[in-house]
Amino acid sequence: MSEAPLTLPLLMDSQKPAQLQQHLDAIAAILYSEANPAELTALEAIEKSVRALTQEHVLPQLGVFLSTRQQTATAENNSP
């Protein structure tokens, strides 16, 4: 059985960008505190560090959240 593709809103309401930025700033501060200062000396090294920290700590949680949301939406659509 084929699942429907996820649809994401193209535009956020006026309050969400500010909320998102607050959360991103908090995440960035946490990731910065976990980064190796010796790796934050050049743009390429910073990009690699950000990518590694994000893949390890942020993306798995986003995947769980989105998967749970998709399962909930599918269950709601399939209920009588």
N, C-alpha and C. Protein backbone atom coordinates (compact mmCIF):
# COMPACT_ATOMS: atom_id res chain seq x y z
N MET A 1 0.84 -1.18 0.00
CA MET A 1 0.00 0.00 0.00
C MET A 1 0.89 1.24 0.00
N SER A 2 0.58 2.18 -0.86
CA SER A 2 1.36 3.41 -0.98
C SER A 2 0.82 4.46 -0.02
N GLU A 3 1.74 5.09 0.71
CA GLU A 3 1.33 6.14 1.63
C GLU A 3 1.30 7.47 0.90
N ALA A 4 0.40 8.34 1.32
CA ALA A 4 0.33 9.67 0.73
C ALA A 4 1.58 10.45 1.12
N PRO A 5 2.09 11.26 0.21
CA PRO A 5 3.27 12.05 0.55
C PRO A 5 2.93 13.08 1.62
N LEU A 6 3.93 13.42 2.42
CA LEU A 6 3.72 14.44 3.43
C LEU A 6 3.50 15.78 2.74
N THR A 7 2.55 16.54 3.25
CA THR A 7 2.34 17.88 2.73
C THR A 7 2.72 18.85 3.83
N LEU A 8 3.57 19.78 3.49
CA LEU A 8 4.03 20.75 4.45
C LEU A 8 3.49 22.12 4.07
N PRO A 9 3.16 22.93 5.07
CA PRO A 9 2.67 24.27 4.73
C PRO A 9 3.78 25.08 4.08
N LEU A 10 3.46 25.78 3.03
CA LEU A 10 4.44 26.61 2.36
C LEU A 10 4.65 27.93 3.08
N LEU A 11 3.63 28.40 3.75
CA LEU A 11 3.71 29.66 4.48
C LEU A 11 3.33 29.42 5.93
N MET A 12 4.09 30.02 6.82
CA MET A 12 3.78 29.93 8.24
C MET A 12 2.95 31.14 8.63
N ASP A 13 2.13 30.97 9.68
CA ASP A 13 1.43 32.15 10.16
C ASP A 13 2.46 33.11 10.76
N SER A 14 2.05 34.31 11.03
CA SER A 14 2.99 35.38 11.38
C SER A 14 3.79 35.14 12.66
N GLN A 15 3.31 34.31 13.58
CA GLN A 15 4.02 34.08 14.84
C GLN A 15 5.02 32.94 14.76
N LYS A 16 4.83 32.01 13.87
CA LYS A 16 5.67 30.81 13.84
C LYS A 16 7.13 31.07 13.47
N PRO A 17 7.45 31.96 12.54
CA PRO A 17 8.88 32.19 12.27
C PRO A 17 9.65 32.66 13.50
N ALA A 18 9.06 33.52 14.30
CA ALA A 18 9.73 34.00 15.52
C ALA A 18 9.87 32.86 16.53
N GLN A 19 8.85 32.04 16.67
CA GLN A 19 8.93 30.88 17.57
C GLN A 19 10.00 29.91 17.10
N LEU A 20 10.02 29.64 15.81
CA LEU A 20 11.01 28.75 15.24
C LEU A 20 12.42 29.28 15.48
N GLN A 21 12.61 30.59 15.28
CA GLN A 21 13.93 31.19 15.48
C GLN A 21 14.38 31.05 16.93
N GLN A 22 13.46 31.23 17.88
CA GLN A 22 13.80 31.06 19.30
C GLN A 22 14.28 29.64 19.57
N HIS A 23 13.59 28.67 19.04
CA HIS A 23 13.98 27.27 19.24
C HIS A 23 15.31 26.96 18.55
N LEU A 24 15.48 27.49 17.34
CA LEU A 24 16.74 27.28 16.62
C LEU A 24 17.91 27.91 17.35
N ASP A 25 17.70 29.09 17.93
CA ASP A 25 18.76 29.73 18.71
C ASP A 25 19.14 28.87 19.91
N ALA A 26 18.14 28.30 20.58
CA ALA A 26 18.41 27.44 21.74
C ALA A 26 19.15 26.17 21.31
N ILE A 27 18.71 25.57 20.21
CA ILE A 27 19.39 24.37 19.70
C ILE A 27 20.82 24.71 19.32
N ALA A 28 21.02 25.83 18.63
CA ALA A 28 22.36 26.24 18.22
C ALA A 28 23.27 26.43 19.43
N ALA A 29 22.75 27.02 20.50
CA ALA A 29 23.55 27.23 21.70
C ALA A 29 23.96 25.90 22.32
N ILE A 30 23.04 24.96 22.36
CA ILE A 30 23.36 23.63 22.91
C ILE A 30 24.40 22.93 22.04
N LEU A 31 24.20 22.94 20.74
CA LEU A 31 25.15 22.28 19.84
C LEU A 31 26.52 22.96 19.91
N TYR A 32 26.54 24.27 20.02
CA TYR A 32 27.81 24.99 20.13
C TYR A 32 28.56 24.56 21.39
N SER A 33 27.83 24.38 22.48
CA SER A 33 28.49 23.97 23.73
C SER A 33 29.05 22.55 23.63
N GLU A 34 28.53 21.75 22.71
CA GLU A 34 28.99 20.37 22.52
C GLU A 34 30.07 20.26 21.44
N ALA A 35 30.26 21.31 20.68
CA ALA A 35 31.23 21.28 19.58
C ALA A 35 32.66 21.37 20.12
N ASN A 36 33.57 20.79 19.37
CA ASN A 36 34.99 20.88 19.70
C ASN A 36 35.50 22.23 19.20
N PRO A 37 35.96 23.11 20.10
CA PRO A 37 36.42 24.44 19.67
C PRO A 37 37.52 24.40 18.61
N ALA A 38 38.33 23.36 18.63
CA ALA A 38 39.40 23.24 17.64
C ALA A 38 38.84 23.01 16.24
N GLU A 39 37.59 22.53 16.15
CA GLU A 39 36.96 22.28 14.86
C GLU A 39 36.22 23.50 14.32
N LEU A 40 36.19 24.57 15.07
CA LEU A 40 35.40 25.74 14.68
C LEU A 40 36.29 26.88 14.18
N THR A 41 37.30 26.54 13.42
CA THR A 41 38.27 27.55 12.98
C THR A 41 38.12 27.96 11.52
N ALA A 42 37.48 27.15 10.73
CA ALA A 42 37.29 27.45 9.31
C ALA A 42 35.87 27.07 8.91
N LEU A 43 35.37 27.73 7.88
CA LEU A 43 33.98 27.50 7.46
C LEU A 43 33.70 26.04 7.16
N GLU A 44 34.58 25.37 6.44
CA GLU A 44 34.35 23.96 6.11
C GLU A 44 34.28 23.10 7.37
N ALA A 45 35.15 23.36 8.33
CA ALA A 45 35.15 22.60 9.57
C ALA A 45 33.89 22.88 10.39
N ILE A 46 33.45 24.13 10.37
CA ILE A 46 32.22 24.49 11.08
C ILE A 46 31.04 23.76 10.46
N GLU A 47 30.97 23.75 9.13
CA GLU A 47 29.89 23.05 8.43
C GLU A 47 29.88 21.56 8.77
N LYS A 48 31.05 20.95 8.79
CA LYS A 48 31.14 19.53 9.13
C LYS A 48 30.69 19.28 10.57
N SER A 49 31.10 20.15 11.47
CA SER A 49 30.72 19.99 12.88
C SER A 49 29.21 20.15 13.06
N VAL A 50 28.66 21.18 12.42
CA VAL A 50 27.21 21.40 12.50
C VAL A 50 26.46 20.21 11.93
N ARG A 51 26.90 19.72 10.78
CA ARG A 51 26.25 18.57 10.15
C ARG A 51 26.30 17.34 11.07
N ALA A 52 27.47 17.07 11.62
CA ALA A 52 27.62 15.89 12.47
C ALA A 52 26.75 16.00 13.73
N LEU A 53 26.78 17.15 14.38
CA LEU A 53 25.99 17.33 15.60
C LEU A 53 24.49 17.27 15.30
N THR A 54 24.09 17.87 14.18
CA THR A 54 22.68 17.85 13.80
C THR A 54 22.21 16.44 13.48
N GLN A 55 23.02 15.70 12.73
CA GLN A 55 22.66 14.33 12.38
C GLN A 55 22.58 13.44 13.62
N GLU A 56 23.42 13.71 14.58
CA GLU A 56 23.44 12.87 15.78
C GLU A 56 22.32 13.21 16.75
N HIS A 57 22.03 14.49 16.91
CA HIS A 57 21.13 14.90 17.99
C HIS A 57 19.78 15.45 17.55
N VAL A 58 19.71 16.11 16.42
CA VAL A 58 18.49 16.81 16.02
C VAL A 58 17.64 16.00 15.04
N LEU A 59 18.25 15.55 13.97
CA LEU A 59 17.49 14.88 12.92
C LEU A 59 16.78 13.61 13.37
N PRO A 60 17.38 12.79 14.23
CA PRO A 60 16.63 11.61 14.69
C PRO A 60 15.33 12.00 15.41
N GLN A 61 15.38 13.05 16.21
CA GLN A 61 14.18 13.47 16.92
C GLN A 61 13.13 14.04 15.97
N LEU A 62 13.58 14.77 14.95
CA LEU A 62 12.63 15.25 13.94
C LEU A 62 11.98 14.09 13.21
N GLY A 63 12.77 13.07 12.92
CA GLY A 63 12.23 11.88 12.26
C GLY A 63 11.18 11.19 13.10
N VAL A 64 11.45 11.05 14.38
CA VAL A 64 10.48 10.42 15.29
C VAL A 64 9.21 11.26 15.35
N PHE A 65 9.36 12.56 15.48
CA PHE A 65 8.20 13.45 15.55
C PHE A 65 7.36 13.36 14.29
N LEU A 66 8.01 13.46 13.13
CA LEU A 66 7.26 13.42 11.87
C LEU A 66 6.64 12.06 11.63
N SER A 67 7.33 11.00 12.01
CA SER A 67 6.79 9.65 11.85
C SER A 67 5.55 9.48 12.71
N THR A 68 5.62 9.95 13.94
CA THR A 68 4.48 9.85 14.85
C THR A 68 3.30 10.66 14.32
N ARG A 69 3.59 11.86 13.82
CA ARG A 69 2.53 12.69 13.25
C ARG A 69 1.88 12.00 12.05
N GLN A 70 2.70 11.39 11.20
CA GLN A 70 2.18 10.71 10.02
C GLN A 70 1.32 9.52 10.43
N GLN A 71 1.77 8.76 11.41
CA GLN A 71 1.00 7.60 11.87
C GLN A 71 -0.33 8.04 12.47
N THR A 72 -0.31 9.14 13.22
CA THR A 72 -1.54 9.66 13.81
C THR A 72 -2.51 10.11 12.72
N ALA A 73 -2.00 10.82 11.73
CA ALA A 73 -2.85 11.29 10.63
C ALA A 73 -3.42 10.13 9.84
N THR A 74 -2.60 9.10 9.60
CA THR A 74 -3.07 7.92 8.87
C THR A 74 -4.16 7.21 9.66
N ALA A 75 -3.96 7.06 10.97
CA ALA A 75 -4.95 6.39 11.82
C ALA A 75 -6.26 7.18 11.84
N GLU A 76 -6.16 8.51 11.90
CA GLU A 76 -7.37 9.33 11.91
C GLU A 76 -8.11 9.23 10.58
N ASN A 77 -7.37 9.16 9.48
CA ASN A 77 -8.00 9.05 8.16
C ASN A 77 -8.63 7.68 7.94
N ASN A 78 -8.11 6.65 8.60
CA ASN A 78 -8.62 5.30 8.42
C ASN A 78 -9.72 4.93 9.41
N SER A 79 -9.96 5.79 10.42
CA SER A 79 -10.99 5.46 11.40
C SER A 79 -12.36 5.76 10.81
N PRO A 80 -13.36 4.95 11.20
CA PRO A 80 -14.71 5.11 10.62
C PRO A 80 -15.39 6.38 11.02
